[in-house]
Amino acid sequence: MVRTEWNAGIVDELFSGCKKVLESGKINFLDILVPGAFEIPFAVKKYWEQSVKKRPDAFVALGCVIRGDTPHFEYVCRAITDGVAALNLKLPVPVIFGVLTVNNLEQARERIGGIHGHKGEEAAEAALKMISFSKSLER
């Protein structure tokens, strides 16, 4: 998992949900902390390049970008979305998009166990399904 320090209260909850699902499936994981969502694609790419002995079967990107009063929100959201999409086309393992892009804190809370489910759990489930899919093609 690659997760952000920014908006830690929300991201920590995403991480807890993701961790719960992975641990229930007896899946080992590494927790990589980066400053913000913009840095996630770099961290994934760098980790992949440096970990030649034991590479992960998937990456899960966790973060939360909340709209503010400037266009910064759009730039960061576009960069992280494009970065994760590019990694999915470049790397031979899936990179799951578990980054909340919301208008306010209430919307973020609704996505960490509220009316919109738990996006951290959903990201872990997507990772497990994509790992299974990838392995099924190797047979």
N, C-alpha and C. Protein backbone atom coordinates (compact mmCIF):
# COMPACT_ATOMS: atom_id res chain seq x y z
N MET A 1 0.84 -1.18 0.00
CA MET A 1 0.00 0.00 0.00
C MET A 1 0.88 1.24 0.00
N VAL A 2 0.48 2.21 -0.79
CA VAL A 2 1.12 3.52 -0.78
C VAL A 2 0.05 4.49 -0.34
N ARG A 3 0.28 5.15 0.81
CA ARG A 3 -0.73 6.06 1.34
C ARG A 3 -0.12 7.40 1.68
N THR A 4 -0.99 8.40 1.77
CA THR A 4 -0.53 9.77 1.97
C THR A 4 -0.60 10.20 3.43
N GLU A 5 0.28 11.12 3.77
CA GLU A 5 0.23 11.77 5.08
C GLU A 5 -0.87 12.83 5.12
N TRP A 6 -1.12 13.44 3.96
CA TRP A 6 -2.10 14.53 3.86
C TRP A 6 -3.49 13.99 4.12
N ASN A 7 -4.30 14.71 4.87
CA ASN A 7 -5.64 14.28 5.27
C ASN A 7 -5.57 12.94 6.01
N ALA A 8 -4.63 12.86 6.95
CA ALA A 8 -4.32 11.62 7.65
C ALA A 8 -5.53 10.99 8.34
N GLY A 9 -6.41 11.77 8.90
CA GLY A 9 -7.57 11.21 9.59
C GLY A 9 -8.42 10.34 8.67
N ILE A 10 -8.62 10.78 7.46
CA ILE A 10 -9.39 10.02 6.47
C ILE A 10 -8.55 8.87 5.92
N VAL A 11 -7.32 9.16 5.56
CA VAL A 11 -6.46 8.15 4.94
C VAL A 11 -6.17 7.01 5.92
N ASP A 12 -6.01 7.33 7.20
CA ASP A 12 -5.80 6.27 8.19
C ASP A 12 -6.98 5.30 8.24
N GLU A 13 -8.18 5.83 8.07
CA GLU A 13 -9.37 4.97 8.03
C GLU A 13 -9.40 4.13 6.75
N LEU A 14 -9.02 4.73 5.62
CA LEU A 14 -8.91 3.95 4.38
C LEU A 14 -7.92 2.81 4.57
N PHE A 15 -6.77 3.13 5.17
CA PHE A 15 -5.72 2.15 5.43
C PHE A 15 -6.24 1.04 6.34
N SER A 16 -6.94 1.39 7.40
CA SER A 16 -7.47 0.37 8.33
C SER A 16 -8.40 -0.60 7.62
N GLY A 17 -9.27 -0.08 6.78
CA GLY A 17 -10.19 -0.95 6.05
C GLY A 17 -9.46 -1.84 5.06
N CYS A 18 -8.50 -1.27 4.37
CA CYS A 18 -7.71 -2.03 3.40
C CYS A 18 -6.92 -3.12 4.11
N LYS A 19 -6.28 -2.75 5.19
CA LYS A 19 -5.48 -3.69 6.00
C LYS A 19 -6.34 -4.84 6.51
N LYS A 20 -7.54 -4.52 6.99
CA LYS A 20 -8.45 -5.55 7.52
C LYS A 20 -8.75 -6.61 6.47
N VAL A 21 -9.05 -6.17 5.25
CA VAL A 21 -9.38 -7.11 4.18
C VAL A 21 -8.16 -7.94 3.81
N LEU A 22 -7.01 -7.31 3.67
CA LEU A 22 -5.80 -8.04 3.30
C LEU A 22 -5.40 -9.04 4.38
N GLU A 23 -5.48 -8.63 5.63
CA GLU A 23 -5.12 -9.54 6.72
C GLU A 23 -6.09 -10.70 6.82
N SER A 24 -7.37 -10.46 6.55
CA SER A 24 -8.34 -11.57 6.60
C SER A 24 -8.06 -12.59 5.51
N GLY A 25 -7.43 -12.15 4.42
CA GLY A 25 -7.04 -13.06 3.35
C GLY A 25 -5.62 -13.57 3.50
N LYS A 26 -5.01 -13.27 4.66
CA LYS A 26 -3.63 -13.68 4.95
C LYS A 26 -2.64 -13.18 3.89
N ILE A 27 -2.86 -11.94 3.46
CA ILE A 27 -2.01 -11.32 2.45
C ILE A 27 -0.98 -10.42 3.14
N ASN A 28 0.28 -10.64 2.85
CA ASN A 28 1.33 -9.76 3.37
C ASN A 28 1.32 -8.45 2.60
N PHE A 29 1.60 -7.37 3.29
CA PHE A 29 1.65 -6.07 2.63
C PHE A 29 2.69 -5.20 3.28
N LEU A 30 3.10 -4.21 2.54
CA LEU A 30 4.05 -3.21 3.01
C LEU A 30 3.33 -1.87 3.01
N ASP A 31 3.59 -1.05 3.99
CA ASP A 31 2.97 0.26 4.12
C ASP A 31 4.00 1.33 3.76
N ILE A 32 3.78 2.01 2.64
CA ILE A 32 4.67 3.07 2.19
C ILE A 32 3.95 4.40 2.37
N LEU A 33 4.57 5.31 3.10
CA LEU A 33 3.96 6.60 3.39
C LEU A 33 4.62 7.69 2.55
N VAL A 34 3.79 8.48 1.86
CA VAL A 34 4.28 9.61 1.06
C VAL A 34 3.57 10.89 1.51
N PRO A 35 4.14 12.07 1.21
CA PRO A 35 3.53 13.31 1.70
C PRO A 35 2.10 13.55 1.20
N GLY A 36 1.88 13.42 -0.10
CA GLY A 36 0.57 13.72 -0.65
C GLY A 36 0.25 12.84 -1.85
N ALA A 37 -0.96 13.01 -2.38
CA ALA A 37 -1.42 12.18 -3.50
C ALA A 37 -0.57 12.36 -4.74
N PHE A 38 -0.08 13.55 -4.96
CA PHE A 38 0.74 13.82 -6.14
C PHE A 38 1.97 12.91 -6.19
N GLU A 39 2.48 12.52 -5.03
CA GLU A 39 3.70 11.72 -4.96
C GLU A 39 3.47 10.22 -5.09
N ILE A 40 2.24 9.77 -5.10
CA ILE A 40 1.94 8.34 -5.16
C ILE A 40 2.53 7.67 -6.40
N PRO A 41 2.30 8.17 -7.61
CA PRO A 41 2.85 7.47 -8.79
C PRO A 41 4.37 7.32 -8.74
N PHE A 42 5.06 8.36 -8.27
CA PHE A 42 6.52 8.26 -8.17
C PHE A 42 6.91 7.14 -7.21
N ALA A 43 6.26 7.09 -6.05
CA ALA A 43 6.60 6.08 -5.04
C ALA A 43 6.36 4.67 -5.57
N VAL A 44 5.26 4.46 -6.28
CA VAL A 44 4.97 3.14 -6.85
C VAL A 44 6.05 2.77 -7.86
N LYS A 45 6.34 3.69 -8.76
CA LYS A 45 7.35 3.42 -9.80
C LYS A 45 8.71 3.15 -9.19
N LYS A 46 9.12 3.97 -8.25
CA LYS A 46 10.43 3.83 -7.61
C LYS A 46 10.52 2.51 -6.83
N TYR A 47 9.47 2.17 -6.11
CA TYR A 47 9.47 0.92 -5.36
C TYR A 47 9.59 -0.26 -6.32
N TRP A 48 8.84 -0.23 -7.40
CA TRP A 48 8.89 -1.31 -8.38
C TRP A 48 10.31 -1.46 -8.94
N GLU A 49 10.92 -0.38 -9.31
CA GLU A 49 12.26 -0.41 -9.89
C GLU A 49 13.32 -0.90 -8.90
N GLN A 50 13.15 -0.57 -7.63
CA GLN A 50 14.16 -0.90 -6.62
C GLN A 50 13.96 -2.27 -5.98
N SER A 51 12.80 -2.87 -6.11
CA SER A 51 12.51 -4.13 -5.42
C SER A 51 12.59 -5.31 -6.38
N VAL A 52 13.76 -5.57 -6.90
CA VAL A 52 13.89 -6.63 -7.90
C VAL A 52 13.81 -8.04 -7.30
N LYS A 53 14.10 -8.21 -6.03
CA LYS A 53 14.07 -9.55 -5.42
C LYS A 53 12.66 -10.00 -5.10
N LYS A 54 11.89 -9.16 -4.44
CA LYS A 54 10.53 -9.53 -4.01
C LYS A 54 9.57 -8.42 -4.41
N ARG A 55 9.03 -8.55 -5.59
CA ARG A 55 8.11 -7.53 -6.07
C ARG A 55 6.67 -7.86 -5.66
N PRO A 56 5.89 -6.83 -5.42
CA PRO A 56 4.50 -7.06 -5.02
C PRO A 56 3.65 -7.56 -6.19
N ASP A 57 2.54 -8.21 -5.84
CA ASP A 57 1.58 -8.66 -6.85
C ASP A 57 0.62 -7.55 -7.24
N ALA A 58 0.58 -6.48 -6.44
CA ALA A 58 -0.29 -5.33 -6.71
C ALA A 58 0.13 -4.17 -5.81
N PHE A 59 -0.30 -3.00 -6.20
CA PHE A 59 -0.16 -1.80 -5.37
C PHE A 59 -1.56 -1.27 -5.11
N VAL A 60 -1.76 -0.72 -3.93
CA VAL A 60 -3.01 -0.03 -3.62
C VAL A 60 -2.64 1.39 -3.22
N ALA A 61 -3.14 2.37 -3.96
CA ALA A 61 -2.88 3.78 -3.69
C ALA A 61 -4.02 4.32 -2.85
N LEU A 62 -3.69 4.86 -1.67
CA LEU A 62 -4.70 5.39 -0.77
C LEU A 62 -4.40 6.86 -0.46
N GLY A 63 -5.41 7.70 -0.62
CA GLY A 63 -5.25 9.11 -0.33
C GLY A 63 -6.60 9.79 -0.31
N CYS A 64 -6.58 11.07 -0.01
CA CYS A 64 -7.81 11.85 0.00
C CYS A 64 -7.48 13.28 -0.41
N VAL A 65 -8.10 13.73 -1.49
CA VAL A 65 -7.94 15.10 -1.97
C VAL A 65 -9.30 15.78 -1.82
N ILE A 66 -9.31 16.86 -1.04
CA ILE A 66 -10.55 17.59 -0.78
C ILE A 66 -10.50 18.93 -1.50
N ARG A 67 -11.56 19.23 -2.22
CA ARG A 67 -11.64 20.48 -3.00
C ARG A 67 -11.46 21.69 -2.09
N GLY A 68 -10.72 22.64 -2.58
CA GLY A 68 -10.54 23.91 -1.86
C GLY A 68 -11.03 25.05 -2.72
N ASP A 69 -10.50 26.23 -2.48
CA ASP A 69 -10.95 27.43 -3.19
C ASP A 69 -10.14 27.75 -4.43
N THR A 70 -9.12 26.93 -4.72
CA THR A 70 -8.26 27.20 -5.87
C THR A 70 -8.31 26.02 -6.85
N PRO A 71 -7.76 26.18 -8.04
CA PRO A 71 -7.75 25.08 -9.02
C PRO A 71 -6.79 23.95 -8.64
N HIS A 72 -6.07 24.08 -7.56
CA HIS A 72 -5.11 23.06 -7.13
C HIS A 72 -5.75 21.67 -7.09
N PHE A 73 -6.99 21.57 -6.62
CA PHE A 73 -7.73 20.30 -6.54
C PHE A 73 -7.75 19.60 -7.89
N GLU A 74 -8.11 20.33 -8.94
CA GLU A 74 -8.19 19.73 -10.27
C GLU A 74 -6.83 19.23 -10.75
N TYR A 75 -5.78 20.02 -10.49
CA TYR A 75 -4.44 19.62 -10.92
C TYR A 75 -3.98 18.35 -10.22
N VAL A 76 -4.18 18.29 -8.92
CA VAL A 76 -3.75 17.12 -8.16
C VAL A 76 -4.57 15.89 -8.56
N CYS A 77 -5.87 16.06 -8.67
CA CYS A 77 -6.73 14.92 -9.05
C CYS A 77 -6.37 14.39 -10.44
N ARG A 78 -6.14 15.28 -11.38
CA ARG A 78 -5.77 14.87 -12.74
C ARG A 78 -4.42 14.16 -12.72
N ALA A 79 -3.46 14.70 -11.98
CA ALA A 79 -2.12 14.11 -11.93
C ALA A 79 -2.14 12.72 -11.32
N ILE A 80 -2.84 12.54 -10.23
CA ILE A 80 -2.87 11.22 -9.58
C ILE A 80 -3.65 10.23 -10.45
N THR A 81 -4.73 10.66 -11.05
CA THR A 81 -5.51 9.77 -11.92
C THR A 81 -4.69 9.35 -13.13
N ASP A 82 -4.08 10.31 -13.80
CA ASP A 82 -3.24 10.00 -14.97
C ASP A 82 -2.03 9.16 -14.57
N GLY A 83 -1.44 9.47 -13.42
CA GLY A 83 -0.27 8.72 -12.97
C GLY A 83 -0.59 7.26 -12.69
N VAL A 84 -1.68 7.00 -12.00
CA VAL A 84 -2.08 5.62 -11.71
C VAL A 84 -2.47 4.90 -12.99
N ALA A 85 -3.17 5.58 -13.88
CA ALA A 85 -3.54 4.96 -15.16
C ALA A 85 -2.29 4.59 -15.96
N ALA A 86 -1.31 5.47 -16.00
CA ALA A 86 -0.07 5.18 -16.73
C ALA A 86 0.67 4.00 -16.11
N LEU A 87 0.70 3.93 -14.79
CA LEU A 87 1.35 2.80 -14.13
C LEU A 87 0.65 1.49 -14.45
N ASN A 88 -0.67 1.52 -14.53
CA ASN A 88 -1.42 0.30 -14.88
C ASN A 88 -1.08 -0.19 -16.28
N LEU A 89 -0.73 0.71 -17.16
CA LEU A 89 -0.35 0.32 -18.52
C LEU A 89 1.12 -0.06 -18.62
N LYS A 90 1.95 0.44 -17.71
CA LYS A 90 3.38 0.20 -17.77
C LYS A 90 3.83 -1.01 -16.95
N LEU A 91 3.33 -1.13 -15.73
CA LEU A 91 3.77 -2.20 -14.84
C LEU A 91 3.01 -3.50 -15.14
N PRO A 92 3.61 -4.64 -14.85
CA PRO A 92 2.92 -5.91 -15.06
C PRO A 92 2.02 -6.31 -13.89
N VAL A 93 1.84 -5.40 -12.92
CA VAL A 93 0.94 -5.65 -11.79
C VAL A 93 -0.05 -4.51 -11.69
N PRO A 94 -1.23 -4.77 -11.13
CA PRO A 94 -2.24 -3.71 -11.02
C PRO A 94 -1.89 -2.68 -9.96
N VAL A 95 -2.31 -1.44 -10.23
CA VAL A 95 -2.22 -0.36 -9.26
C VAL A 95 -3.66 0.10 -9.03
N ILE A 96 -4.15 -0.15 -7.84
CA ILE A 96 -5.55 0.12 -7.51
C ILE A 96 -5.70 1.56 -7.04
N PHE A 97 -6.70 2.24 -7.57
CA PHE A 97 -6.97 3.64 -7.25
C PHE A 97 -7.90 3.72 -6.05
N GLY A 98 -7.33 3.95 -4.87
CA GLY A 98 -8.11 4.09 -3.65
C GLY A 98 -8.00 5.51 -3.10
N VAL A 99 -7.96 6.47 -4.00
CA VAL A 99 -7.81 7.87 -3.62
C VAL A 99 -9.18 8.54 -3.70
N LEU A 100 -9.62 9.08 -2.58
CA LEU A 100 -10.88 9.82 -2.58
C LEU A 100 -10.65 11.20 -3.17
N THR A 101 -11.51 11.60 -4.08
CA THR A 101 -11.48 12.96 -4.64
C THR A 101 -12.86 13.55 -4.37
N VAL A 102 -12.95 14.33 -3.31
CA VAL A 102 -14.25 14.75 -2.79
C VAL A 102 -14.32 16.27 -2.67
N ASN A 103 -15.55 16.75 -2.55
CA ASN A 103 -15.77 18.19 -2.42
C ASN A 103 -15.59 18.70 -1.00
N ASN A 104 -15.81 17.83 -0.01
CA ASN A 104 -15.73 18.27 1.38
C ASN A 104 -15.46 17.09 2.31
N LEU A 105 -15.21 17.40 3.56
CA LEU A 105 -14.89 16.38 4.55
C LEU A 105 -16.05 15.43 4.78
N GLU A 106 -17.27 15.93 4.72
CA GLU A 106 -18.45 15.08 4.90
C GLU A 106 -18.48 13.98 3.84
N GLN A 107 -18.22 14.33 2.59
CA GLN A 107 -18.19 13.32 1.53
C GLN A 107 -17.10 12.29 1.78
N ALA A 108 -15.97 12.73 2.29
CA ALA A 108 -14.89 11.79 2.61
C ALA A 108 -15.34 10.82 3.69
N ARG A 109 -15.95 11.33 4.73
CA ARG A 109 -16.42 10.47 5.83
C ARG A 109 -17.47 9.46 5.35
N GLU A 110 -18.29 9.87 4.41
CA GLU A 110 -19.31 8.96 3.87
C GLU A 110 -18.68 7.78 3.13
N ARG A 111 -17.40 7.89 2.79
CA ARG A 111 -16.72 6.86 2.01
C ARG A 111 -15.72 6.04 2.83
N ILE A 112 -15.75 6.23 4.16
CA ILE A 112 -14.89 5.42 5.03
C ILE A 112 -15.76 4.68 6.05
N GLY A 113 -16.87 4.16 5.57
CA GLY A 113 -17.77 3.40 6.42
C GLY A 113 -19.14 4.02 6.53
N GLY A 114 -19.38 5.07 5.80
CA GLY A 114 -20.68 5.75 5.82
C GLY A 114 -21.61 5.21 4.74
N ILE A 115 -22.47 6.08 4.24
CA ILE A 115 -23.50 5.65 3.29
C ILE A 115 -22.94 5.18 1.95
N HIS A 116 -21.69 5.51 1.65
CA HIS A 116 -21.10 5.08 0.39
C HIS A 116 -20.13 3.91 0.57
N GLY A 117 -20.26 3.20 1.68
CA GLY A 117 -19.40 2.05 1.92
C GLY A 117 -18.04 2.43 2.45
N HIS A 118 -17.11 1.52 2.31
CA HIS A 118 -15.74 1.75 2.80
C HIS A 118 -14.79 1.56 1.62
N LYS A 119 -14.30 2.67 1.11
CA LYS A 119 -13.46 2.63 -0.10
C LYS A 119 -12.10 1.98 0.14
N GLY A 120 -11.61 1.96 1.37
CA GLY A 120 -10.37 1.24 1.67
C GLY A 120 -10.57 -0.26 1.54
N GLU A 121 -11.67 -0.75 2.06
CA GLU A 121 -12.00 -2.18 1.92
C GLU A 121 -12.21 -2.53 0.45
N GLU A 122 -12.92 -1.67 -0.25
CA GLU A 122 -13.19 -1.92 -1.66
C GLU A 122 -11.90 -1.94 -2.48
N ALA A 123 -10.95 -1.08 -2.14
CA ALA A 123 -9.67 -1.06 -2.86
C ALA A 123 -8.91 -2.37 -2.63
N ALA A 124 -8.92 -2.87 -1.40
CA ALA A 124 -8.25 -4.15 -1.11
C ALA A 124 -8.94 -5.29 -1.86
N GLU A 125 -10.26 -5.28 -1.89
CA GLU A 125 -10.99 -6.33 -2.62
C GLU A 125 -10.68 -6.27 -4.11
N ALA A 126 -10.58 -5.07 -4.66
CA ALA A 126 -10.22 -4.92 -6.07
C ALA A 126 -8.81 -5.45 -6.31
N ALA A 127 -7.89 -5.18 -5.40
CA ALA A 127 -6.51 -5.69 -5.54
C ALA A 127 -6.52 -7.21 -5.56
N LEU A 128 -7.25 -7.83 -4.65
CA LEU A 128 -7.31 -9.29 -4.60
C LEU A 128 -7.89 -9.87 -5.89
N LYS A 129 -8.93 -9.25 -6.40
CA LYS A 129 -9.54 -9.72 -7.64
C LYS A 129 -8.59 -9.56 -8.83
N MET A 130 -7.87 -8.44 -8.87
CA MET A 130 -6.94 -8.22 -9.98
C MET A 130 -5.72 -9.14 -9.89
N ILE A 131 -5.26 -9.43 -8.68
CA ILE A 131 -4.17 -10.41 -8.52
C ILE A 131 -4.63 -11.76 -9.03
N SER A 132 -5.83 -12.16 -8.65
CA SER A 132 -6.39 -13.44 -9.10
C SER A 132 -6.52 -13.46 -10.62
N PHE A 133 -7.02 -12.38 -11.18
CA PHE A 133 -7.15 -12.27 -12.64
C PHE A 133 -5.79 -12.43 -13.32
N SER A 134 -4.79 -11.69 -12.82
CA SER A 134 -3.46 -11.75 -13.41
C SER A 134 -2.87 -13.16 -13.35
N LYS A 135 -3.03 -13.80 -12.21
CA LYS A 135 -2.49 -15.16 -12.03
C LYS A 135 -3.23 -16.16 -12.94
N SER A 136 -4.51 -15.94 -13.18
CA SER A 136 -5.26 -16.85 -14.03
C SER A 136 -4.76 -16.80 -15.48
N LEU A 137 -4.22 -15.67 -15.89
CA LEU A 137 -3.68 -15.54 -17.24
C LEU A 137 -2.31 -16.18 -17.39
N GLU A 138 -1.62 -16.39 -16.27
CA GLU A 138 -0.29 -16.98 -16.30
C GLU A 138 -0.33 -18.49 -16.48
N ARG A 139 -1.46 -19.09 -16.25
CA ARG A 139 -1.58 -20.56 -16.32
C ARG A 139 -1.54 -21.07 -17.74
